[in-house]
């Protein structure tokens, strides 16, 4: 597990080095805990225009590739499907309904838009849903080593630009997140995304996603999400706990009311 003390010490050392280099961080091999934006904003003008907010398109009736689960993960999903049919959908829910879905589910949440914030060395995704954010570091850092990787809901995301396409590599995602309703994954899940504007519509953003999991999946799962842009609205405040009325049983299961 990473120590905040060590990270703070590393930050001081890196900041000193950055000042010596006139504010520029050398991202060749070192993993930096934070970006150094000063003096690097001019280059952002060369990036594509992703301004405004983006809301998921509902492709009703479209057939989508489903994750090909295997082993225990397939058996658990089949048991979940049987429970759904037997209880008309009233299956036990292990977590809070206020818990955000994490990756990859957050990318497929409808109704609530997403905003992209470009800063030097980082793309930040701000989600209206659950008021979550996702950091995608573009400063050349690598993923932490296995010993230093703390699993999170959104994982550790590093990215780079290939022309006008943002390529994102994500690992270290908590296993409480799901591939889909009732579909679990292992701690080996690895996600590659290619995000770009549609060739025929600058008001459409596409996220082409490939999910790999050698333990839970028979083969890589390919899916994509499209979003439409609005330039005349802002994200709204989302406080799930303000009206959270889901009782919890003695067994710790969340119920609907």
Protein backbone atom coordinates (compact mmCIF):
# COMPACT_ATOMS: atom_id res chain seq x y z
CA UNK A 1 0.00 0.00 0.00
CA UNK A 2 1.27 3.48 -0.76
CA UNK A 3 2.19 5.74 2.09
CA UNK A 4 0.88 9.30 2.00
CA UNK A 5 4.04 10.38 3.82
CA UNK A 6 6.22 8.94 1.09
CA UNK A 7 4.06 10.50 -1.59
CA UNK A 8 4.27 13.88 0.10
CA UNK A 9 8.07 13.56 0.37
CA UNK A 10 8.28 12.52 -3.28
CA UNK A 11 6.11 15.49 -4.27
CA UNK A 12 8.50 17.90 -2.54
CA UNK A 13 11.50 16.37 -4.30
CA UNK A 14 9.74 16.41 -7.65
CA UNK A 15 8.59 19.98 -7.19
CA UNK A 16 12.19 21.02 -6.51
CA UNK A 17 13.30 19.28 -9.67
CA UNK A 18 10.48 20.88 -11.64
CA UNK A 19 11.47 24.36 -10.50
CA UNK A 20 15.03 23.69 -11.59
CA UNK A 21 13.69 22.73 -15.01
CA UNK A 22 11.64 25.93 -15.33
CA UNK A 23 8.39 24.23 -14.36
CA UNK A 24 8.68 21.27 -16.73
CA UNK A 25 8.37 17.73 -15.35
CA UNK A 26 10.62 15.07 -16.87
CA UNK A 27 8.15 12.23 -17.51
CA UNK A 28 10.56 9.78 -19.13
CA UNK A 29 10.54 7.01 -16.53
CA UNK A 30 9.36 8.56 -13.26
CA UNK A 31 5.76 8.21 -12.06
CA UNK A 32 4.67 11.60 -10.74
CA UNK A 33 1.91 11.86 -8.12
CA UNK A 34 0.62 15.16 -9.51
CA UNK A 35 0.86 17.17 -12.71
CA UNK A 36 2.96 20.34 -13.06
CA UNK A 37 0.75 22.68 -15.12
CA UNK A 38 2.64 25.98 -14.86
CA UNK A 39 3.97 27.16 -18.19
CA UNK A 40 2.34 24.41 -20.22
CA UNK A 41 -1.12 25.69 -21.09
CA UNK A 42 -0.38 26.96 -24.61
CA UNK A 43 -0.07 23.42 -25.99
CA UNK A 44 -3.68 22.66 -25.00
CA UNK A 45 -4.91 24.73 -27.95
CA UNK A 46 -3.67 21.99 -30.27
CA UNK A 47 -6.02 19.43 -28.69
CA UNK A 48 -9.49 18.76 -30.14
CA UNK A 49 -12.46 20.78 -28.92
CA UNK A 50 -14.31 18.67 -26.34
CA UNK A 51 -15.93 21.67 -24.63
CA UNK A 52 -19.48 21.60 -23.29
CA UNK A 53 -21.05 18.57 -21.64
CA UNK A 54 -21.70 15.16 -23.14
CA UNK A 55 -24.77 12.97 -22.59
CA UNK A 56 -25.01 9.29 -23.52
CA UNK A 57 -26.92 8.42 -26.70
CA UNK A 58 -29.50 5.69 -26.19
CA UNK A 59 -29.19 3.32 -29.15
CA UNK A 60 -32.51 1.61 -28.58
CA UNK A 61 -32.85 -1.74 -30.29
CA UNK A 62 -29.17 -1.90 -31.21
CA UNK A 63 -27.52 -5.24 -30.54
CA UNK A 64 -24.41 -4.93 -28.42
CA UNK A 65 -21.70 -7.49 -27.81
CA UNK A 66 -22.05 -9.02 -24.35
CA UNK A 67 -19.13 -10.01 -22.09
CA UNK A 68 -18.27 -13.70 -22.56
CA UNK A 69 -17.91 -14.76 -18.93
CA UNK A 70 -16.31 -18.05 -17.94
CA UNK A 71 -15.83 -20.32 -14.94
CA UNK A 72 -17.02 -19.05 -11.57
CA UNK A 73 -17.97 -15.68 -13.07
CA UNK A 74 -20.32 -17.30 -15.57
CA UNK A 75 -21.85 -19.56 -12.91
CA UNK A 76 -22.41 -16.61 -10.58
CA UNK A 77 -24.06 -14.61 -13.34
CA UNK A 78 -26.35 -17.48 -14.29
CA UNK A 79 -27.36 -17.84 -10.64
CA UNK A 80 -28.10 -14.10 -10.52
CA UNK A 81 -30.29 -14.36 -13.64
CA UNK A 82 -32.26 -17.23 -12.07
CA UNK A 83 -32.76 -15.17 -8.91
CA UNK A 84 -33.99 -12.20 -10.95
CA UNK A 85 -36.58 -14.37 -12.70
CA UNK A 86 -37.68 -16.08 -9.48
CA UNK A 87 -38.15 -12.80 -7.57
CA UNK A 88 -39.39 -10.57 -10.42
CA UNK A 89 -36.21 -8.56 -10.12
CA UNK A 90 -36.22 -8.15 -6.33
CA UNK A 91 -32.78 -9.67 -5.76
CA UNK A 92 -30.63 -8.78 -2.73
CA UNK A 93 -28.35 -5.80 -3.26
CA UNK A 94 -25.06 -6.09 -1.39
CA UNK A 95 -23.98 -2.45 -1.56
CA UNK A 96 -25.49 0.98 -1.06
CA UNK A 97 -27.59 2.35 -3.91
CA UNK A 98 -25.62 5.56 -3.42
CA UNK A 99 -22.39 3.77 -4.33
CA UNK A 100 -21.20 4.86 -7.81
CA UNK A 101 -20.70 2.13 -10.44
CA UNK A 102 -17.02 2.86 -11.15
CA UNK A 103 -15.43 1.55 -14.33
CA UNK A 104 -16.57 0.55 -16.83
CA UNK A 105 -20.21 1.16 -15.81
CA UNK A 106 -19.91 4.92 -15.25
CA UNK A 107 -19.28 5.40 -18.98
CA UNK A 108 -22.72 3.94 -19.78
CA UNK A 109 -24.83 5.94 -17.31
CA UNK A 110 -27.61 7.72 -19.17
CA UNK A 111 -29.33 11.02 -18.35
CA UNK A 112 -26.37 12.44 -16.40
CA UNK A 113 -23.78 14.25 -18.58
CA UNK A 114 -19.98 14.26 -18.48
CA UNK A 115 -17.56 17.17 -18.71
CA UNK A 116 -13.92 16.94 -19.86
CA UNK A 117 -11.34 19.27 -18.33
CA UNK A 118 -8.00 19.57 -20.16
CA UNK A 119 -4.98 20.63 -18.09
CA UNK A 120 -1.29 20.02 -18.80
CA UNK A 121 -0.48 16.39 -18.17
CA UNK A 122 -4.03 15.38 -17.34
CA UNK A 123 -7.54 14.92 -18.69
CA UNK A 124 -10.14 15.02 -15.92
CA UNK A 125 -13.58 13.54 -16.51
CA UNK A 126 -16.21 15.15 -14.29
CA UNK A 127 -19.42 13.09 -14.02
CA UNK A 128 -22.67 14.67 -12.90
CA UNK A 129 -23.78 11.22 -11.69
CA UNK A 130 -22.68 10.86 -8.06
CA UNK A 131 -20.47 13.94 -8.67
CA UNK A 132 -17.55 11.66 -9.48
CA UNK A 133 -14.31 12.44 -11.28
CA UNK A 134 -11.80 10.32 -13.15
CA UNK A 135 -8.15 11.25 -13.67
CA UNK A 136 -6.42 10.30 -16.91
CA UNK A 137 -2.75 11.25 -16.70
CA UNK A 138 -1.13 12.21 -20.01
CA UNK A 139 2.29 13.27 -18.69
CA UNK A 140 4.09 10.09 -19.75
CA UNK A 141 3.95 8.28 -16.41
CA UNK A 142 3.57 4.52 -16.23
CA UNK A 143 1.23 2.47 -14.06
CA UNK A 144 2.44 1.87 -10.50
CA UNK A 145 4.02 -1.48 -9.75
CA UNK A 146 1.74 -4.25 -8.51
CA UNK A 147 2.95 -3.70 -4.94
CA UNK A 148 2.08 0.02 -5.07
CA UNK A 149 -1.21 -0.24 -6.95
CA UNK A 150 -4.23 0.57 -4.77
CA UNK A 151 -7.43 -0.69 -6.47
CA UNK A 152 -10.07 2.03 -6.83
CA UNK A 153 -13.50 2.39 -8.42
CA UNK A 154 -12.01 4.06 -11.51
CA UNK A 155 -8.62 2.41 -11.50
CA UNK A 156 -5.29 3.88 -12.53
CA UNK A 157 -5.65 5.52 -15.95
CA UNK A 158 -2.78 6.70 -18.13
CA UNK A 159 -3.33 8.12 -21.58
CA UNK A 160 -1.72 9.64 -24.63
CA UNK A 161 -2.92 11.45 -27.73
CA UNK A 162 -2.72 9.82 -31.15
CA UNK A 163 -3.65 12.78 -33.27
CA UNK A 164 -7.15 13.77 -32.11
CA UNK A 165 -7.79 10.43 -30.34
CA UNK A 166 -7.22 10.01 -26.61
CA UNK A 167 -5.98 6.46 -25.90
CA UNK A 168 -6.53 5.43 -22.27
CA UNK A 169 -5.09 2.40 -20.47
CA UNK A 170 -6.72 1.50 -17.12
CA UNK A 171 -5.87 -1.14 -14.53
CA UNK A 172 -6.36 -1.54 -10.78
CA UNK A 173 -10.18 -1.48 -10.67
CA UNK A 174 -11.98 -2.70 -7.56
CA UNK A 175 -13.82 -5.99 -8.06
CA UNK A 176 -17.01 -4.52 -6.55
CA UNK A 177 -17.60 -2.78 -9.88
CA UNK A 178 -19.44 -4.71 -12.59
CA UNK A 179 -19.12 -5.34 -16.32
CA UNK A 180 -22.91 -5.29 -16.47
CA UNK A 181 -25.80 -6.04 -14.17
CA UNK A 182 -24.88 -9.20 -12.24
CA UNK A 183 -21.57 -9.56 -14.12
CA UNK A 184 -18.48 -9.53 -11.94
CA UNK A 185 -14.82 -9.32 -12.95
CA UNK A 186 -11.46 -10.18 -11.40
CA UNK A 187 -8.66 -7.91 -10.21
CA UNK A 188 -6.91 -8.59 -13.53
CA UNK A 189 -9.37 -6.54 -15.59
CA UNK A 190 -7.61 -4.24 -18.08
CA UNK A 191 -9.43 -1.60 -20.12
CA UNK A 192 -8.23 0.18 -23.27
CA UNK A 193 -10.30 3.10 -24.58
CA UNK A 194 -10.04 5.20 -27.71
CA UNK A 195 -12.01 8.44 -27.33
CA UNK A 196 -12.53 10.73 -30.30
CA UNK A 197 -15.03 12.94 -32.08
CA UNK A 198 -17.05 11.25 -34.82
CA UNK A 199 -15.68 11.82 -38.32
CA UNK A 200 -19.07 12.97 -39.60
CA UNK A 201 -20.21 14.94 -36.56
CA UNK A 202 -18.10 17.15 -34.26
CA UNK A 203 -21.05 17.15 -31.84
CA UNK A 204 -20.69 13.40 -31.25
CA UNK A 205 -18.04 11.80 -29.05
CA UNK A 206 -17.21 8.08 -29.30
CA UNK A 207 -15.58 5.90 -26.64
CA UNK A 208 -14.40 2.61 -28.18
CA UNK A 209 -13.65 0.26 -25.30
CA UNK A 210 -11.88 -3.09 -25.11
CA UNK A 211 -12.05 -4.97 -21.79
CA UNK A 212 -9.64 -7.83 -21.08
CA UNK A 213 -9.79 -10.17 -18.10
CA UNK A 214 -8.00 -13.52 -18.48
CA UNK A 215 -9.67 -14.87 -15.33
CA UNK A 216 -13.28 -13.79 -15.88
CA UNK A 217 -13.61 -13.53 -19.69
CA UNK A 218 -13.29 -16.10 -22.48
CA UNK A 219 -12.12 -13.36 -24.84
CA UNK A 220 -11.75 -9.57 -24.86
CA UNK A 221 -15.06 -7.71 -24.73
CA UNK A 222 -15.51 -4.90 -27.26
CA UNK A 223 -18.13 -2.23 -26.74
CA UNK A 224 -18.58 1.45 -27.50
CA UNK A 225 -20.50 4.44 -26.21
CA UNK A 226 -21.54 7.57 -28.09
CA UNK A 227 -22.42 10.91 -26.55
CA UNK A 228 -23.99 14.08 -27.89
CA UNK A 229 -22.76 17.53 -26.94
CA UNK A 230 -24.55 20.45 -25.29
CA UNK A 231 -22.75 23.78 -25.01
CA UNK A 232 -25.48 25.65 -23.13
CA UNK A 233 -25.71 23.70 -19.89
CA UNK A 234 -23.61 22.96 -16.84
CA UNK A 235 -23.45 19.93 -14.59
CA UNK A 236 -25.92 19.94 -11.72
CA UNK A 237 -25.20 19.04 -8.13
CA UNK A 238 -25.86 15.36 -7.34
CA UNK A 239 -26.05 14.48 -3.63
CA UNK A 240 -27.29 10.91 -3.40
CA UNK A 241 -27.27 10.79 0.41
CA UNK A 242 -29.60 13.79 0.68
CA UNK A 243 -32.62 11.62 -0.15
CA UNK A 244 -31.24 8.14 0.57
CA UNK A 245 -34.12 6.08 1.98
CA UNK A 246 -32.83 2.57 1.36
CA UNK A 247 -33.10 0.45 4.53
CA UNK A 248 -30.40 -2.07 5.36
CA UNK A 249 -31.26 -5.52 6.73
CA UNK A 250 -29.56 -7.22 9.69
CA UNK A 251 -27.54 -9.17 7.11
CA UNK A 252 -26.22 -5.93 5.62
CA UNK A 253 -28.26 -6.12 2.41
CA UNK A 254 -29.77 -2.96 0.94
CA UNK A 255 -33.49 -2.94 0.21
CA UNK A 256 -35.71 -0.62 -1.79
CA UNK A 257 -38.44 1.43 -0.13
